[in-house]
Amino acid sequence: MVESAVIHDTFVLERTYPAPVARVFAFLSDPQKKRQWYGRSEPSAEASLEMDFREGGIERSRYRMDERTPFPGSVLANEGVYQDIVPGQRVVLATNMTLAGRRISCSLITVELAKADGGTKMTFTHQAVFLEGADGPEMRKGGWEHLLDLFGKALAE
């Protein structure tokens, strides 16, 4: 019998952005605005992002990894379903990630927004199971830290 090598992990990231809640929420919910930060995160020869932002709606992203990555030519794909949306307050997305067609993780992502000191406090909670061959919790956390930094830069433009 082969033992499973799954890893369970949860992390929480907090950021405060000097922008009103409505603007921050727009960068989560509007596909054009999301591409400004999410679409430039991966070293990729090709990238796509598709969103149907509503409860039950699908979000899909795909990147063909370029020569700067450990897996040049491989496709990294994410597919999620929006579970809960409260405009200006919360977004919950259940996702799965595949690398070269093989599922490597399943995640539940919760983004909460609140007014804070003339801006918006974002609390980002990532709960996941990492399957065999996955990037693992530390890489994923680092990836999301980078994405939230890009989020802040896109908001400031």
Protein backbone atom coordinates (compact mmCIF):
# COMPACT_ATOMS: atom_id res chain seq x y z
CA MET A 1 0.00 0.00 0.00
CA VAL A 2 1.37 3.42 -1.02
CA GLU A 3 0.98 6.16 1.56
CA SER A 4 -0.37 9.50 0.51
CA ALA A 5 1.95 12.48 0.83
CA VAL A 6 -0.56 15.30 1.27
CA ILE A 7 0.22 18.43 3.26
CA HIS A 8 -2.49 20.57 4.84
CA ASP A 9 -1.76 24.23 5.47
CA THR A 10 -3.43 27.52 6.35
CA PHE A 11 -1.89 30.97 6.25
CA VAL A 12 -3.26 34.47 6.73
CA LEU A 13 -1.81 37.58 5.10
CA GLU A 14 -2.87 41.11 6.03
CA ARG A 15 -2.33 44.26 4.00
CA THR A 16 -3.59 47.82 4.35
CA TYR A 17 -3.95 49.70 1.09
CA PRO A 18 -4.36 53.51 0.84
CA ALA A 19 -7.49 53.19 -1.31
CA PRO A 20 -11.21 53.11 -0.53
CA VAL A 21 -12.92 49.74 -0.08
CA ALA A 22 -14.88 50.18 -3.34
CA ARG A 23 -11.65 50.55 -5.36
CA VAL A 24 -10.02 47.56 -3.65
CA PHE A 25 -13.12 45.44 -4.28
CA ALA A 26 -13.10 46.51 -7.95
CA PHE A 27 -9.57 45.09 -8.34
CA LEU A 28 -10.91 41.74 -7.09
CA SER A 29 -14.17 41.68 -9.05
CA ASP A 30 -13.53 43.38 -12.41
CA PRO A 31 -11.67 41.13 -14.90
CA GLN A 32 -9.84 44.06 -16.56
CA LYS A 33 -8.63 45.39 -13.21
CA LYS A 34 -7.68 41.91 -11.95
CA ARG A 35 -5.50 41.39 -15.02
CA GLN A 36 -3.52 44.50 -13.99
CA TRP A 37 -2.14 42.67 -10.94
CA TYR A 38 -2.90 38.96 -11.23
CA GLY A 39 -1.96 38.61 -14.89
CA ARG A 40 1.59 39.90 -14.43
CA SER A 41 2.55 37.56 -11.61
CA GLU A 42 3.92 34.54 -13.46
CA PRO A 43 7.02 34.20 -15.62
CA SER A 44 5.15 32.95 -18.64
CA ALA A 45 5.29 32.67 -22.37
CA GLU A 46 1.46 32.75 -22.46
CA ALA A 47 -1.11 33.77 -19.87
CA SER A 48 -4.90 33.96 -19.72
CA LEU A 49 -7.50 34.91 -17.12
CA GLU A 50 -11.22 34.26 -17.45
CA MET A 51 -13.73 35.42 -14.79
CA ASP A 52 -17.46 35.12 -14.23
CA PHE A 53 -17.64 37.08 -10.97
CA ARG A 54 -20.82 35.85 -9.28
CA GLU A 55 -21.63 33.16 -6.74
CA GLY A 56 -21.28 29.89 -8.64
CA GLY A 57 -19.23 31.63 -11.33
CA ILE A 58 -15.93 30.22 -12.59
CA GLU A 59 -12.47 31.79 -12.56
CA ARG A 60 -9.79 30.20 -14.74
CA SER A 61 -6.17 31.15 -15.26
CA ARG A 62 -3.47 29.43 -17.30
CA TYR A 63 0.21 30.11 -17.75
CA ARG A 64 2.66 28.36 -20.03
CA MET A 65 5.86 28.45 -18.03
CA ASP A 66 8.86 29.96 -19.78
CA GLU A 67 12.57 29.10 -19.68
CA ARG A 68 13.10 31.01 -16.40
CA THR A 69 11.02 28.44 -14.51
CA PRO A 70 11.81 24.92 -13.30
CA PHE A 71 9.14 23.58 -15.71
CA PRO A 72 9.61 25.35 -19.07
CA GLY A 73 6.74 24.67 -21.47
CA SER A 74 4.48 23.21 -18.78
CA VAL A 75 1.03 24.69 -18.24
CA LEU A 76 0.12 25.85 -14.73
CA ALA A 77 -3.67 26.12 -14.50
CA ASN A 78 -6.02 27.28 -11.78
CA GLU A 79 -9.76 26.76 -11.80
CA GLY A 80 -12.05 28.08 -9.12
CA VAL A 81 -15.70 28.56 -8.24
CA TYR A 82 -16.89 31.63 -6.36
CA GLN A 83 -18.60 30.32 -3.23
CA ASP A 84 -19.59 33.57 -1.51
CA ILE A 85 -19.52 37.24 -2.51
CA VAL A 86 -20.54 40.15 -0.30
CA PRO A 87 -19.78 43.32 -2.29
CA GLY A 88 -17.22 45.51 -0.55
CA GLN A 89 -16.73 42.96 2.24
CA ARG A 90 -15.84 39.40 1.26
CA VAL A 91 -15.00 36.99 -1.57
CA VAL A 92 -14.64 33.22 -1.07
CA LEU A 93 -13.18 31.12 -3.90
CA ALA A 94 -12.62 27.33 -3.96
CA THR A 95 -9.82 26.41 -6.40
CA ASN A 96 -7.73 23.58 -7.75
CA MET A 97 -4.34 23.89 -9.41
CA THR A 98 -2.78 21.63 -12.02
CA LEU A 99 0.75 21.51 -13.39
CA ALA A 100 1.20 19.83 -16.77
CA GLY A 101 -2.33 18.41 -16.43
CA ARG A 102 -1.78 16.85 -12.98
CA ARG A 103 -3.68 18.23 -9.97
CA ILE A 104 -1.22 19.50 -7.35
CA SER A 105 -3.47 21.33 -4.86
CA CYS A 106 -6.97 22.32 -3.78
CA SER A 107 -7.54 25.58 -1.90
CA LEU A 108 -10.17 27.71 -0.23
CA ILE A 109 -9.33 31.42 -0.48
CA THR A 110 -11.18 34.02 1.59
CA VAL A 111 -10.57 37.74 1.09
CA GLU A 112 -12.11 40.07 3.68
CA LEU A 113 -12.12 43.86 3.38
CA ALA A 114 -12.68 46.53 6.04
CA LYS A 115 -12.21 50.30 6.28
CA ALA A 116 -8.95 51.21 8.03
CA ASP A 117 -7.19 54.54 8.57
CA GLY A 118 -8.30 56.21 5.36
CA GLY A 119 -7.82 53.05 3.36
CA THR A 120 -8.74 49.38 3.29
CA LYS A 121 -7.49 46.49 5.39
CA MET A 122 -7.42 43.21 3.48
CA THR A 123 -7.31 39.90 5.35
CA PHE A 124 -6.39 37.07 2.97
CA THR A 125 -6.84 33.51 4.28
CA HIS A 126 -5.54 30.56 2.23
CA GLN A 127 -6.47 27.01 3.31
CA ALA A 128 -5.10 24.21 1.16
CA VAL A 129 -4.22 20.60 0.69
CA PHE A 130 -1.03 20.14 -1.31
CA LEU A 131 -0.85 16.87 -3.24
CA GLU A 132 2.14 14.91 -4.47
CA GLY A 133 4.41 17.06 -6.61
CA ALA A 134 2.93 20.35 -5.36
CA ASP A 135 4.83 23.57 -4.80
CA GLY A 136 4.13 23.37 -1.06
CA PRO A 137 2.99 25.84 1.59
CA GLU A 138 6.07 28.08 1.71
CA MET A 139 6.22 28.62 -2.05
CA ARG A 140 2.49 29.25 -2.22
CA LYS A 141 2.62 31.75 0.64
CA GLY A 142 5.52 33.53 -1.06
CA GLY A 143 3.58 33.58 -4.32
CA TRP A 144 0.58 35.19 -2.65
CA GLU A 145 2.77 37.72 -0.84
CA HIS A 146 4.14 38.70 -4.26
CA LEU A 147 0.62 38.86 -5.75
CA LEU A 148 -0.62 41.12 -2.93
CA ASP A 149 2.38 43.40 -3.50
CA LEU A 150 1.44 43.58 -7.20
CA PHE A 151 -2.16 44.27 -6.10
CA GLY A 152 -0.95 47.31 -4.15
CA LYS A 153 1.10 48.57 -7.12
CA ALA A 154 -1.87 48.21 -9.49
CA LEU A 155 -4.10 50.10 -7.04
CA ALA A 156 -1.58 52.96 -6.94
CA GLU A 157 -1.42 53.38 -10.74
